[in-house]
C-alpha atoms as a PDB file:
ATOM      1  CA  MET A   1      89.180  74.871 114.395  1.00  0.00           C
ATOM      2  CA  ASP A   2      89.028  73.879 118.097  1.00  0.00           C
ATOM      3  CA  VAL A   3      85.900  75.519 119.306  1.00  0.00           C
ATOM      4  CA  PRO A   4      86.077  74.485 123.079  1.00  0.00           C
ATOM      5  CA  ARG A   5      89.720  76.134 123.272  1.00  0.00           C
ATOM      6  CA  GLN A   6      88.580  78.582 121.094  1.00  0.00           C
ATOM      7  CA  ILE A   7      91.765  78.541 118.653  1.00  0.00           C
ATOM      8  CA  LEU A   8      91.749  78.654 114.850  1.00  0.00           C
ATOM      9  CA  GLU A   9      94.672  77.305 113.169  1.00  0.00           C
ATOM     10  CA  ILE A  10      95.425  78.029 109.983  1.00  0.00           C
ATOM     11  CA  VAL A  11      98.326  75.940 108.153  1.00  0.00           C
ATOM     12  CA  PRO A  12     100.007  75.382 105.779  1.00  0.00           C
ATOM     13  CA  PRO A  13     101.000  78.447 104.275  1.00  0.00           C
ATOM     14  CA  VAL A  14      99.500  79.771 101.212  1.00  0.00           C
ATOM     15  CA  ARG A  15     101.622  79.091  98.079  1.00  0.00           C
ATOM     16  CA  ARG A  16      99.591  81.220  95.620  1.00  0.00           C
ATOM     17  CA  SER A  17      98.120  84.680  95.683  1.00  0.00           C
ATOM     18  CA  GLU A  18      95.323  84.030  97.435  1.00  0.00           C
ATOM     19  CA  LEU A  19      93.144  81.038  99.151  1.00  0.00           C
ATOM     20  CA  VAL A  20      89.441  81.434  99.829  1.00  0.00           C
ATOM     21  CA  ALA A  21      87.675  78.576 101.902  1.00  0.00           C
ATOM     22  CA  PRO A  22      84.718  77.801 103.886  1.00  0.00           C
ATOM     23  CA  TRP A  23      84.941  77.153 107.400  1.00  0.00           C
ATOM     24  CA  PHE A  24      82.408  75.320 109.585  1.00  0.00           C
ATOM     25  CA  SER A  25      81.923  74.885 113.343  1.00  0.00           C
ATOM     26  CA  SER A  26      79.405  73.827 115.616  1.00  0.00           C
ATOM     27  CA  THR A  27      78.388  77.574 116.257  1.00  0.00           C
ATOM     28  CA  GLY A  28      78.490  79.134 112.763  1.00  0.00           C
ATOM     29  CA  TRP A  29      80.207  78.989 109.374  1.00  0.00           C
ATOM     30  CA  GLY A  30      81.877  81.574 106.821  1.00  0.00           C
ATOM     31  CA  THR A  31      84.580  81.888 104.747  1.00  0.00           C
ATOM     32  CA  LEU A  32      88.524  82.239 105.119  1.00  0.00           C
ATOM     33  CA  THR A  33      90.576  84.268 102.995  1.00  0.00           C
ATOM     34  CA  GLN A  34      94.365  84.037 103.088  1.00  0.00           C
ATOM     35  CA  THR A  35      96.803  86.117 101.170  1.00  0.00           C
ATOM     36  CA  ALA A  36     100.588  86.452 101.581  1.00  0.00           C
ATOM     37  CA  LYS A  37      99.793  89.520 103.420  1.00  0.00           C
ATOM     38  CA  GLY A  38      96.920  88.627 105.765  1.00  0.00           C
ATOM     39  CA  ILE A  39      93.908  87.041 106.589  1.00  0.00           C
ATOM     40  CA  SER A  40      90.084  87.322 107.020  1.00  0.00           C
ATOM     41  CA  VAL A  41      87.522  85.166 108.659  1.00  0.00           C
ATOM     42  CA  ALA A  42      84.025  86.370 107.715  1.00  0.00           C
ATOM     43  CA  CYS A  43      80.935  84.853 109.615  1.00  0.00           C
ATOM     44  CA  GLU A  44      78.044  84.332 107.287  1.00  0.00           C
ATOM     45  CA  ALA A  45      75.878  82.565 109.887  1.00  0.00           C
ATOM     46  CA  GLY A  46      75.675  81.977 113.984  1.00  0.00           C
ATOM     47  CA  THR A  47      78.847  83.187 115.704  1.00  0.00           C
ATOM     48  CA  LEU A  48      82.545  82.054 116.164  1.00  0.00           C
ATOM     49  CA  SER A  49      84.219  83.032 119.542  1.00  0.00           C
ATOM     50  CA  LEU A  50      88.278  83.169 119.255  1.00  0.00           C
ATOM     51  CA  ARG A  51      90.961  83.689 121.830  1.00  0.00           C
ATOM     52  CA  THR A  52      93.954  82.835 119.605  1.00  0.00           C
ATOM     53  CA  ILE A  53      94.467  82.504 115.687  1.00  0.00           C
ATOM     54  CA  VAL A  54      97.864  80.603 114.580  1.00  0.00           C
ATOM     55  CA  THR A  55      98.712  81.452 110.989  1.00  0.00           C
ATOM     56  CA  ALA A  56     101.715  80.666 108.582  1.00  0.00           C
ATOM     57  CA  LEU A  57     102.385  84.538 108.261  1.00  0.00           C
ATOM     58  CA  LYS A  58     105.803  85.247 109.275  1.00  0.00           C
ATOM     59  CA  GLY A  59     107.759  88.378 109.876  1.00  0.00           C
ATOM     60  CA  LYS A  60     106.235  91.556 111.643  1.00  0.00           C
ATOM     61  CA  PRO A  61     103.856  91.230 114.587  1.00  0.00           C
ATOM     62  CA  LEU A  62     100.109  90.923 113.467  1.00  0.00           C
ATOM     63  CA  LYS A  63      97.587  93.537 113.938  1.00  0.00           C
ATOM     64  CA  ALA A  64      93.808  92.612 114.226  1.00  0.00           C
ATOM     65  CA  THR A  65      90.639  94.115 113.299  1.00  0.00           C
ATOM     66  CA  LEU A  66      87.058  93.998 113.581  1.00  0.00           C
ATOM     67  CA  ALA A  67      84.370  95.939 112.153  1.00  0.00           C
ATOM     68  CA  GLY A  68      86.972  98.611 111.410  1.00  0.00           C
ATOM     69  CA  GLY A  69      88.278  98.984 115.125  1.00  0.00           C
ATOM     70  CA  LYS A  70      91.507  97.789 116.216  1.00  0.00           C
ATOM     71  CA  LEU A  71      91.847  94.651 118.413  1.00  0.00           C
ATOM     72  CA  ALA A  72      94.139  94.204 121.232  1.00  0.00           C
ATOM     73  CA  CYS A  73      96.240  90.909 120.069  1.00  0.00           C
ATOM     74  CA  LYS A  74     100.103  89.956 121.358  1.00  0.00           C
ATOM     75  CA  THR A  75     102.032  87.914 118.691  1.00  0.00           C
ATOM     76  CA  VAL A  76     103.718  85.182 119.877  1.00  0.00           C
ATOM     77  CA  ASN A  77     105.600  82.086 118.378  1.00  0.00           C
ATOM     78  CA  VAL A  78     104.253  79.026 118.244  1.00  0.00           C
ATOM     79  CA  ASP A  79     106.384  75.936 116.362  1.00  0.00           C
ATOM     80  CA  GLY A  80     107.983  78.536 114.280  1.00  0.00           C
ATOM     81  CA  ARG A  81     104.491  80.208 113.194  1.00  0.00           C
ATOM     82  CA  ASN A  82     102.783  83.496 114.285  1.00  0.00           C
ATOM     83  CA  ALA A  83      99.768  83.474 116.517  1.00  0.00           C
ATOM     84  CA  ALA A  84      97.557  86.141 117.456  1.00  0.00           C
ATOM     85  CA  VAL A  85      96.469  85.918 121.167  1.00  0.00           C
ATOM     86  CA  PHE A  86      93.866  88.207 121.962  1.00  0.00           C
ATOM     87  CA  GLY A  87      93.428  89.867 125.298  1.00  0.00           C
ATOM     88  CA  ALA A  88      89.778  88.962 125.690  1.00  0.00           C
ATOM     89  CA  LEU A  89      87.533  86.589 124.007  1.00  0.00           C
ATOM     90  CA  VAL A  90      86.742  87.878 120.339  1.00  0.00           C
ATOM     91  CA  THR A  91      83.251  86.605 119.411  1.00  0.00           C
ATOM     92  CA  LEU A  92      82.322  87.501 115.549  1.00  0.00           C
ATOM     93  CA  GLY A  93      78.533  87.458 114.798  1.00  0.00           C
ATOM     94  CA  GLN A  94      76.695  87.179 111.247  1.00  0.00           C
ATOM     95  CA  GLY A  95      78.083  89.516 108.931  1.00  0.00           C
ATOM     96  CA  GLN A  96      81.105  90.408 110.810  1.00  0.00           C
ATOM     97  CA  THR A  97      84.942  89.772 109.386  1.00  0.00           C
ATOM     98  CA  LEU A  98      88.176  89.602 111.442  1.00  0.00           C
ATOM     99  CA  LYS A  99      91.181  90.778 109.698  1.00  0.00           C
ATOM    100  CA  LEU A 100      94.821  89.866 110.755  1.00  0.00           C
ATOM    101  CA  ASP A 101      97.408  91.893 108.864  1.00  0.00           C
ATOM    102  CA  SER A 102     101.446  91.330 109.203  1.00  0.00           C
END
């Protein structure tokens, strides 16, 4: 997690059906869930502001949602990995979950 550059990078690819792990930053904390089909970033306390999420997800363009609403994002290739680049700064607050699906 690179808070000053507002980038979350998730590597390597998951080699099992589901991975759940904590994330921590200087602004908040929460959980990250990754499956073969998508990624969820949940904020348990504080905030997390992102412009880009680099993933190990491959294939179709990424689709992002926050609080049930679609987020504008562009899928770009970063060193052979899909990255979701948001049109504007996305800030998760306590109790919010950002979801990325391919």
